[in-house]
């Protein structure tokens, strides 16, 4: 999939109705793309295959007793709890 066709077209948005607009007279403009299309595109890219992580990982340092290291999302408690939840199908 070519990069220019990847996650769809950029959409222009603006934040005009802000509570602090009295102090900030400029309209805030930003661009975004469809997040689902972006994720699907990136998951299909072979160049990212080696960096994808689907399973939880428990990282410990070399101290005695070892201490848990939190460096990436897949090393956090949330990831562990989400992976072992019984109330989700599949």
Protein backbone atom coordinates (compact mmCIF):
# COMPACT_ATOMS: atom_id res chain seq x y z
CA UNK A 1 0.00 0.00 0.00
CA UNK A 2 1.64 3.26 -1.03
CA UNK A 3 2.25 5.79 1.73
CA UNK A 4 0.13 8.48 0.11
CA UNK A 5 -2.92 6.17 0.12
CA UNK A 6 -2.28 4.91 3.62
CA UNK A 7 -4.74 6.13 6.21
CA UNK A 8 -6.99 8.24 4.04
CA UNK A 9 -7.23 11.96 3.53
CA UNK A 10 -6.21 14.55 6.07
CA UNK A 11 -9.20 16.39 7.53
CA UNK A 12 -8.94 19.98 8.70
CA UNK A 13 -10.61 20.84 12.01
CA UNK A 14 -10.75 23.98 14.10
CA UNK A 15 -11.43 24.76 17.73
CA UNK A 16 -13.42 27.94 17.86
CA UNK A 17 -15.70 27.61 20.86
CA UNK A 18 -13.17 27.52 23.68
CA UNK A 19 -13.73 28.82 27.20
CA UNK A 20 -10.42 30.66 27.09
CA UNK A 21 -11.11 32.31 23.72
CA UNK A 22 -11.25 35.75 25.33
CA UNK A 23 -7.55 35.40 26.07
CA UNK A 24 -6.72 33.60 22.83
CA UNK A 25 -8.27 35.27 19.80
CA UNK A 26 -6.78 32.93 17.19
CA UNK A 27 -8.76 29.92 16.03
CA UNK A 28 -6.84 26.71 16.69
CA UNK A 29 -6.59 24.56 13.56
CA UNK A 30 -5.39 20.97 13.39
CA UNK A 31 -5.44 18.06 10.98
CA UNK A 32 -6.31 14.44 11.63
CA UNK A 33 -6.87 11.15 9.86
CA UNK A 34 -9.19 8.24 10.55
CA UNK A 35 -7.50 6.31 13.39
CA UNK A 36 -8.90 2.91 12.34
CA UNK A 37 -7.63 3.30 8.76
CA UNK A 38 -4.27 4.44 10.14
CA UNK A 39 -3.94 1.41 12.40
CA UNK A 40 -4.98 -0.99 9.64
CA UNK A 41 -2.43 0.56 7.31
CA UNK A 42 0.41 0.39 9.83
CA UNK A 43 -0.43 -3.23 10.72
CA UNK A 44 -0.03 -4.17 7.05
CA UNK A 45 3.43 -2.66 6.73
CA UNK A 46 6.10 -5.39 6.71
CA UNK A 47 8.76 -2.91 7.85
CA UNK A 48 7.01 -2.73 11.27
CA UNK A 49 6.60 -6.51 11.69
CA UNK A 50 9.62 -6.98 13.98
CA UNK A 51 8.52 -4.14 16.29
CA UNK A 52 4.96 -5.40 16.87
CA UNK A 53 4.31 -6.88 20.28
CA UNK A 54 1.10 -8.77 21.04
CA UNK A 55 1.96 -10.57 24.26
CA UNK A 56 2.65 -9.17 27.68
CA UNK A 57 6.23 -8.98 28.89
CA UNK A 58 7.51 -8.85 32.44
CA UNK A 59 10.82 -7.00 32.62
CA UNK A 60 12.94 -7.12 35.77
CA UNK A 61 16.21 -5.42 36.59
CA UNK A 62 19.27 -7.21 37.98
CA UNK A 63 18.81 -6.05 41.59
CA UNK A 64 18.33 -8.52 44.43
CA UNK A 65 15.41 -8.81 44.82
CA UNK A 66 14.60 -7.80 41.26
CA UNK A 67 12.42 -4.76 40.66
CA UNK A 68 9.88 -4.58 37.89
CA UNK A 69 10.65 -2.23 35.00
CA UNK A 70 7.94 -0.25 33.22
CA UNK A 71 9.17 1.06 29.89
CA UNK A 72 6.49 0.37 27.29
CA UNK A 73 2.73 -0.12 27.27
CA UNK A 74 3.05 -3.91 27.07
CA UNK A 75 5.04 -3.97 30.34
CA UNK A 76 2.38 -2.14 32.37
CA UNK A 77 -0.26 -3.57 34.67
CA UNK A 78 -3.08 -2.37 32.40
CA UNK A 79 -1.79 -4.54 29.54
CA UNK A 80 -1.48 -7.58 31.79
CA UNK A 81 -4.96 -7.11 33.21
CA UNK A 82 -6.50 -6.55 29.78
CA UNK A 83 -4.84 -9.67 28.34
CA UNK A 84 -6.20 -11.97 31.06
CA UNK A 85 -9.71 -10.56 31.49
CA UNK A 86 -12.35 -13.27 31.38
CA UNK A 87 -15.27 -11.02 30.43
CA UNK A 88 -14.08 -10.35 26.88
CA UNK A 89 -14.97 -12.74 24.06
CA UNK A 90 -12.21 -14.70 22.38
